[in-house]
Amino acid sequence: MGEIGGNDYNFWFFARNSRDTPSQYMPEVVGRIGAAVQEVVDLGAKTVLVPGNFPIGCVPQYLSAFQSNDASSDYDQYGCLVWFNDFSKKHNQLLQQEVGRLRSQNPGVKIIFADYFGAAMQFVQNPKNYGIDDPLVACCGGGGRYHTGKGCDKNATLWGNPSAFASWDGLHMTEKAYSIIADGVLNGPFADTPLLKTC
């Protein structure tokens, strides 16, 4: 399965709507993910990977759009927005429960939860270990602290080699970041059964 539900939250938050409302819709979003997984299983899939949400509080577009002057309570030790990462964690907890329910309803089918949050936090917490200079800024975009505010087009600034960045355009990750996440999901420990051990 591809990542499902992320844009539902992105569109809501970037429209500057209340932070409280998406939590009310979280069970419905997770339920729809579960329904999509069940549909794939009903079509004959024997192994399904269900990805969790990324740490959106570490995404440059979120960091730029929701900057705060209260660094002591709004940001964690890595510079990420605590409230948004807590939101992602809550989504992922509900999704893991849904995966458990789907497993019990579909014996003989491997339904694997992929912890994209944990996998991405590797390079947020220890960027130098992965050759990333600053995981909270975009490689391609505008100016400012997070290099956002401008689309990644011919008028954008390319801030360096994409292999030294986690974020490409402030919202989407670079090939480097995705390769780190993929390794954690394929080989472990960021899938409750590493994908390569199931095939």
C-alpha atoms as a PDB file:
ATOM      1  CA  MET A   1       0.000   0.000   0.000  1.00  0.00           C
ATOM      2  CA  GLY A   2       1.136   3.517  -0.599  1.00  0.00           C
ATOM      3  CA  GLU A   3       0.979   6.088   2.135  1.00  0.00           C
ATOM      4  CA  ILE A   4      -2.684   6.973   2.696  1.00  0.00           C
ATOM      5  CA  GLY A   5      -4.132   9.754   4.816  1.00  0.00           C
ATOM      6  CA  GLY A   6      -1.190  12.132   4.909  1.00  0.00           C
ATOM      7  CA  ASN A   7      -2.695  14.610   2.456  1.00  0.00           C
ATOM      8  CA  ASP A   8      -6.006  14.554   4.326  1.00  0.00           C
ATOM      9  CA  TYR A   9      -4.136  16.024   7.270  1.00  0.00           C
ATOM     10  CA  ASN A  10      -1.850  18.271   5.184  1.00  0.00           C
ATOM     11  CA  PHE A  11      -4.756  19.970   3.410  1.00  0.00           C
ATOM     12  CA  TRP A  12      -6.510  20.553   6.713  1.00  0.00           C
ATOM     13  CA  PHE A  13      -3.527  22.004   8.561  1.00  0.00           C
ATOM     14  CA  PHE A  14      -2.224  24.158   5.710  1.00  0.00           C
ATOM     15  CA  ALA A  15      -5.683  25.713   5.315  1.00  0.00           C
ATOM     16  CA  ARG A  16      -5.087  27.004   8.874  1.00  0.00           C
ATOM     17  CA  ASN A  17      -8.067  25.140  10.270  1.00  0.00           C
ATOM     18  CA  SER A  18      -8.304  24.211  13.937  1.00  0.00           C
ATOM     19  CA  ARG A  19      -5.726  21.722  15.153  1.00  0.00           C
ATOM     20  CA  ASP A  20      -8.366  19.941  17.215  1.00  0.00           C
ATOM     21  CA  THR A  21     -10.669  18.853  14.393  1.00  0.00           C
ATOM     22  CA  PRO A  22      -8.374  16.392  12.531  1.00  0.00           C
ATOM     23  CA  SER A  23      -8.116  14.281  15.684  1.00  0.00           C
ATOM     24  CA  GLN A  24     -11.878  13.793  15.472  1.00  0.00           C
ATOM     25  CA  TYR A  25     -11.521  12.475  11.914  1.00  0.00           C
ATOM     26  CA  MET A  26      -8.501  10.302  12.665  1.00  0.00           C
ATOM     27  CA  PRO A  27     -10.576   7.143  13.337  1.00  0.00           C
ATOM     28  CA  GLU A  28     -12.348   7.633   9.992  1.00  0.00           C
ATOM     29  CA  VAL A  29      -9.061   8.156   8.127  1.00  0.00           C
ATOM     30  CA  VAL A  30      -7.584   5.048   9.761  1.00  0.00           C
ATOM     31  CA  GLY A  31     -10.786   3.106   9.035  1.00  0.00           C
ATOM     32  CA  ARG A  32     -10.528   4.003   5.349  1.00  0.00           C
ATOM     33  CA  ILE A  33      -6.930   2.839   5.293  1.00  0.00           C
ATOM     34  CA  GLY A  34      -8.111  -0.434   6.816  1.00  0.00           C
ATOM     35  CA  ALA A  35     -10.849  -0.720   4.184  1.00  0.00           C
ATOM     36  CA  ALA A  36      -8.290  -0.199   1.406  1.00  0.00           C
ATOM     37  CA  VAL A  37      -6.055  -2.902   2.888  1.00  0.00           C
ATOM     38  CA  GLN A  38      -9.010  -5.281   3.160  1.00  0.00           C
ATOM     39  CA  GLU A  39      -9.916  -4.610  -0.472  1.00  0.00           C
ATOM     40  CA  VAL A  40      -6.389  -5.539  -1.587  1.00  0.00           C
ATOM     41  CA  VAL A  41      -6.542  -8.704   0.543  1.00  0.00           C
ATOM     42  CA  ASP A  42      -9.930  -9.569  -0.954  1.00  0.00           C
ATOM     43  CA  LEU A  43      -8.327  -9.289  -4.397  1.00  0.00           C
ATOM     44  CA  GLY A  44      -5.842 -11.979  -3.379  1.00  0.00           C
ATOM     45  CA  ALA A  45      -2.862 -10.217  -1.801  1.00  0.00           C
ATOM     46  CA  LYS A  46      -0.949 -12.434   0.625  1.00  0.00           C
ATOM     47  CA  THR A  47       1.472  -9.790   1.919  1.00  0.00           C
ATOM     48  CA  VAL A  48       0.506  -6.156   2.468  1.00  0.00           C
ATOM     49  CA  LEU A  49       2.745  -3.420   3.855  1.00  0.00           C
ATOM     50  CA  VAL A  50       0.813  -0.653   5.637  1.00  0.00           C
ATOM     51  CA  PRO A  51       2.908   2.493   6.154  1.00  0.00           C
ATOM     52  CA  GLY A  52       2.428   4.790   9.105  1.00  0.00           C
ATOM     53  CA  ASN A  53       2.599   8.569   9.049  1.00  0.00           C
ATOM     54  CA  PHE A  54       5.880  10.491   8.908  1.00  0.00           C
ATOM     55  CA  PRO A  55       6.994  12.818  11.724  1.00  0.00           C
ATOM     56  CA  ILE A  56       5.222  15.825  10.203  1.00  0.00           C
ATOM     57  CA  GLY A  57       6.532  18.073  12.967  1.00  0.00           C
ATOM     58  CA  CYS A  58       9.977  17.709  11.352  1.00  0.00           C
ATOM     59  CA  VAL A  59       8.806  18.554   7.819  1.00  0.00           C
ATOM     60  CA  PRO A  60      10.172  21.944   6.646  1.00  0.00           C
ATOM     61  CA  GLN A  61       6.783  23.157   5.318  1.00  0.00           C
ATOM     62  CA  TYR A  62       5.218  22.527   8.738  1.00  0.00           C
ATOM     63  CA  LEU A  63       8.169  24.095  10.542  1.00  0.00           C
ATOM     64  CA  SER A  64       7.909  27.194   8.369  1.00  0.00           C
ATOM     65  CA  ALA A  65       4.110  27.524   8.428  1.00  0.00           C
ATOM     66  CA  PHE A  66       3.715  26.943  12.162  1.00  0.00           C
ATOM     67  CA  GLN A  67       6.783  28.685  13.585  1.00  0.00           C
ATOM     68  CA  SER A  68       6.533  29.492  17.257  1.00  0.00           C
ATOM     69  CA  ASN A  69       8.306  31.843  19.626  1.00  0.00           C
ATOM     70  CA  ASP A  70       7.910  29.352  22.481  1.00  0.00           C
ATOM     71  CA  ALA A  71      10.899  27.129  21.808  1.00  0.00           C
ATOM     72  CA  SER A  72      10.797  25.593  25.278  1.00  0.00           C
ATOM     73  CA  SER A  73       7.418  23.916  24.827  1.00  0.00           C
ATOM     74  CA  ASP A  74       6.645  23.877  21.097  1.00  0.00           C
ATOM     75  CA  TYR A  75       9.876  22.288  19.825  1.00  0.00           C
ATOM     76  CA  ASP A  76      11.690  19.116  20.802  1.00  0.00           C
ATOM     77  CA  GLN A  77      15.456  18.795  21.221  1.00  0.00           C
ATOM     78  CA  TYR A  78      15.864  18.209  17.481  1.00  0.00           C
ATOM     79  CA  GLY A  79      13.956  21.339  16.416  1.00  0.00           C
ATOM     80  CA  CYS A  80      10.727  19.549  15.439  1.00  0.00           C
ATOM     81  CA  LEU A  81       7.238  20.754  16.373  1.00  0.00           C
ATOM     82  CA  VAL A  82       6.076  18.591  19.283  1.00  0.00           C
ATOM     83  CA  TRP A  83       2.314  18.953  18.720  1.00  0.00           C
ATOM     84  CA  PHE A  84       2.471  17.760  15.110  1.00  0.00           C
ATOM     85  CA  ASN A  85       4.741  14.827  15.917  1.00  0.00           C
ATOM     86  CA  ASP A  86       2.399  13.823  18.738  1.00  0.00           C
ATOM     87  CA  PHE A  87      -0.433  13.960  16.196  1.00  0.00           C
ATOM     88  CA  SER A  88       1.498  11.621  13.866  1.00  0.00           C
ATOM     89  CA  LYS A  89       2.212   9.254  16.757  1.00  0.00           C
ATOM     90  CA  LYS A  90      -1.484   9.133  17.664  1.00  0.00           C
ATOM     91  CA  HIS A  91      -2.404   8.360  14.044  1.00  0.00           C
ATOM     92  CA  ASN A  92       0.205   5.600  13.965  1.00  0.00           C
ATOM     93  CA  GLN A  93      -1.048   4.071  17.224  1.00  0.00           C
ATOM     94  CA  LEU A  94      -4.585   3.880  15.827  1.00  0.00           C
ATOM     95  CA  LEU A  95      -3.258   2.467  12.567  1.00  0.00           C
ATOM     96  CA  GLN A  96      -1.306  -0.235  14.407  1.00  0.00           C
ATOM     97  CA  GLN A  97      -4.526  -1.223  16.195  1.00  0.00           C
ATOM     98  CA  GLU A  98      -6.263  -1.394  12.811  1.00  0.00           C
ATOM     99  CA  VAL A  99      -3.458  -3.569  11.444  1.00  0.00           C
ATOM    100  CA  GLY A 100      -3.920  -5.889  14.429  1.00  0.00           C
ATOM    101  CA  ARG A 101      -7.644  -6.116  13.704  1.00  0.00           C
ATOM    102  CA  LEU A 102      -6.983  -6.858  10.028  1.00  0.00           C
ATOM    103  CA  ARG A 103      -4.499  -9.575  10.939  1.00  0.00           C
ATOM    104  CA  SER A 104      -7.039 -11.310  13.163  1.00  0.00           C
ATOM    105  CA  GLN A 105      -9.649 -11.179  10.371  1.00  0.00           C
ATOM    106  CA  ASN A 106      -7.266 -12.435   7.691  1.00  0.00           C
ATOM    107  CA  PRO A 107      -5.295 -15.444   8.942  1.00  0.00           C
ATOM    108  CA  GLY A 108      -2.740 -16.578   6.402  1.00  0.00           C
ATOM    109  CA  VAL A 109      -2.174 -13.022   5.135  1.00  0.00           C
ATOM    110  CA  LYS A 110       0.909 -11.107   6.250  1.00  0.00           C
ATOM    111  CA  ILE A 111      -0.103  -7.557   7.092  1.00  0.00           C
ATOM    112  CA  ILE A 112       2.979  -5.589   8.066  1.00  0.00           C
ATOM    113  CA  PHE A 113       3.041  -2.188   9.763  1.00  0.00           C
ATOM    114  CA  ALA A 114       5.873   0.013   8.465  1.00  0.00           C
ATOM    115  CA  ASP A 115       7.042   2.547  11.042  1.00  0.00           C
ATOM    116  CA  TYR A 116       7.872   5.460   8.755  1.00  0.00           C
ATOM    117  CA  PHE A 117       7.938   7.753  11.789  1.00  0.00           C
ATOM    118  CA  GLY A 118      10.688   5.813  13.541  1.00  0.00           C
ATOM    119  CA  ALA A 119      12.626   5.269  10.335  1.00  0.00           C
ATOM    120  CA  ALA A 120      12.607   8.993   9.503  1.00  0.00           C
ATOM    121  CA  MET A 121      13.559   9.979  13.044  1.00  0.00           C
ATOM    122  CA  GLN A 122      16.874   8.151  12.539  1.00  0.00           C
ATOM    123  CA  PHE A 123      18.178  10.916  10.285  1.00  0.00           C
ATOM    124  CA  VAL A 124      16.462  13.675  12.252  1.00  0.00           C
ATOM    125  CA  GLN A 125      18.157  12.581  15.476  1.00  0.00           C
ATOM    126  CA  ASN A 126      21.537  11.623  13.965  1.00  0.00           C
ATOM    127  CA  PRO A 127      21.818  13.370  10.589  1.00  0.00           C
ATOM    128  CA  LYS A 128      25.621  13.210  10.371  1.00  0.00           C
ATOM    129  CA  ASN A 129      25.479   9.395  10.621  1.00  0.00           C
ATOM    130  CA  TYR A 130      23.629   9.454   7.292  1.00  0.00           C
ATOM    131  CA  GLY A 131      25.550  12.239   5.554  1.00  0.00           C
ATOM    132  CA  ILE A 132      22.723  14.749   6.000  1.00  0.00           C
ATOM    133  CA  ASP A 133      23.701  18.306   6.903  1.00  0.00           C
ATOM    134  CA  ASP A 134      20.400  19.574   8.325  1.00  0.00           C
ATOM    135  CA  PRO A 135      17.318  17.334   8.151  1.00  0.00           C
ATOM    136  CA  LEU A 136      14.917  20.218   8.754  1.00  0.00           C
ATOM    137  CA  VAL A 137      15.636  22.321   5.661  1.00  0.00           C
ATOM    138  CA  ALA A 138      14.637  21.818   2.033  1.00  0.00           C
ATOM    139  CA  CYS A 139      17.189  21.267  -0.715  1.00  0.00           C
ATOM    140  CA  CYS A 140      15.140  23.094  -3.352  1.00  0.00           C
ATOM    141  CA  GLY A 141      12.851  26.054  -2.735  1.00  0.00           C
ATOM    142  CA  GLY A 142      12.906  29.539  -1.305  1.00  0.00           C
ATOM    143  CA  GLY A 143      14.814  31.253   1.432  1.00  0.00           C
ATOM    144  CA  GLY A 144      14.319  31.587   5.131  1.00  0.00           C
ATOM    145  CA  ARG A 145      15.266  29.230   7.916  1.00  0.00           C
ATOM    146  CA  TYR A 146      13.709  26.167   6.251  1.00  0.00           C
ATOM    147  CA  HIS A 147      14.217  27.067   2.541  1.00  0.00           C
ATOM    148  CA  THR A 148      10.464  27.011   1.893  1.00  0.00           C
ATOM    149  CA  GLY A 149       7.924  29.477   0.542  1.00  0.00           C
ATOM    150  CA  LYS A 150       8.664  28.894  -3.121  1.00  0.00           C
ATOM    151  CA  GLY A 151       7.916  25.934  -5.352  1.00  0.00           C
ATOM    152  CA  CYS A 152      10.796  23.842  -6.610  1.00  0.00           C
ATOM    153  CA  ASP A 153      10.889  25.070 -10.197  1.00  0.00           C
ATOM    154  CA  LYS A 154      13.320  26.945 -12.478  1.00  0.00           C
ATOM    155  CA  ASN A 155      13.077  30.028 -10.232  1.00  0.00           C
ATOM    156  CA  ALA A 156      13.860  28.155  -7.021  1.00  0.00           C
ATOM    157  CA  THR A 157      17.181  27.988  -5.257  1.00  0.00           C
ATOM    158  CA  LEU A 158      19.005  24.680  -5.182  1.00  0.00           C
ATOM    159  CA  TRP A 159      20.762  24.792  -1.814  1.00  0.00           C
ATOM    160  CA  GLY A 160      23.238  21.991  -2.467  1.00  0.00           C
ATOM    161  CA  ASN A 161      23.601  18.351  -3.358  1.00  0.00           C
ATOM    162  CA  PRO A 162      20.287  16.554  -2.690  1.00  0.00           C
ATOM    163  CA  SER A 163      22.186  13.644  -1.126  1.00  0.00           C
ATOM    164  CA  ALA A 164      23.032  15.918   1.825  1.00  0.00           C
ATOM    165  CA  PHE A 165      19.362  16.759   2.492  1.00  0.00           C
ATOM    166  CA  ALA A 166      16.397  14.843   3.888  1.00  0.00           C
ATOM    167  CA  SER A 167      13.781  17.128   2.315  1.00  0.00           C
ATOM    168  CA  TRP A 168      13.618  17.872  -1.395  1.00  0.00           C
ATOM    169  CA  ASP A 169      11.034  20.659  -1.612  1.00  0.00           C
ATOM    170  CA  GLY A 170       9.946  21.185   1.982  1.00  0.00           C
ATOM    171  CA  LEU A 171       7.191  18.571   1.867  1.00  0.00           C
ATOM    172  CA  HIS A 172       8.603  15.595  -0.055  1.00  0.00           C
ATOM    173  CA  MET A 173      11.743  13.754   0.955  1.00  0.00           C
ATOM    174  CA  THR A 174      14.883  13.217  -1.075  1.00  0.00           C
ATOM    175  CA  GLU A 175      16.012   9.929  -2.553  1.00  0.00           C
ATOM    176  CA  LYS A 176      18.582   9.810   0.260  1.00  0.00           C
ATOM    177  CA  ALA A 177      15.895  10.037   2.958  1.00  0.00           C
ATOM    178  CA  TYR A 178      13.661   7.477   1.285  1.00  0.00           C
ATOM    179  CA  SER A 179      16.567   5.048   0.927  1.00  0.00           C
ATOM    180  CA  ILE A 180      17.194   5.251   4.691  1.00  0.00           C
ATOM    181  CA  ILE A 181      13.502   4.650   5.395  1.00  0.00           C
ATOM    182  CA  ALA A 182      13.365   1.791   2.882  1.00  0.00           C
ATOM    183  CA  ASP A 183      16.363   0.088   4.469  1.00  0.00           C
ATOM    184  CA  GLY A 184      14.710   0.268   7.899  1.00  0.00           C
ATOM    185  CA  VAL A 185      11.494  -1.240   6.532  1.00  0.00           C
ATOM    186  CA  LEU A 186      13.087  -3.875   4.301  1.00  0.00           C
ATOM    187  CA  ASN A 187      15.757  -5.062   6.727  1.00  0.00           C
ATOM    188  CA  GLY A 188      14.428  -3.885  10.090  1.00  0.00           C
ATOM    189  CA  PRO A 189      13.864  -2.611  12.657  1.00  0.00           C
ATOM    190  CA  PHE A 190      11.119  -0.321  11.294  1.00  0.00           C
ATOM    191  CA  ALA A 191       8.606  -2.943  10.208  1.00  0.00           C
ATOM    192  CA  ASP A 192       7.012  -5.284  12.713  1.00  0.00           C
ATOM    193  CA  THR A 193       8.233  -8.005  10.372  1.00  0.00           C
ATOM    194  CA  PRO A 194      11.045  -6.732   8.103  1.00  0.00           C
ATOM    195  CA  LEU A 195       9.711  -7.003   4.568  1.00  0.00           C
ATOM    196  CA  LEU A 196      12.659  -8.942   3.153  1.00  0.00           C
ATOM    197  CA  LYS A 197      12.147 -11.615   5.806  1.00  0.00           C
ATOM    198  CA  THR A 198       8.572 -12.218   4.630  1.00  0.00           C
ATOM    199  CA  CYS A 199       9.239 -12.739   0.925  1.00  0.00           C
END
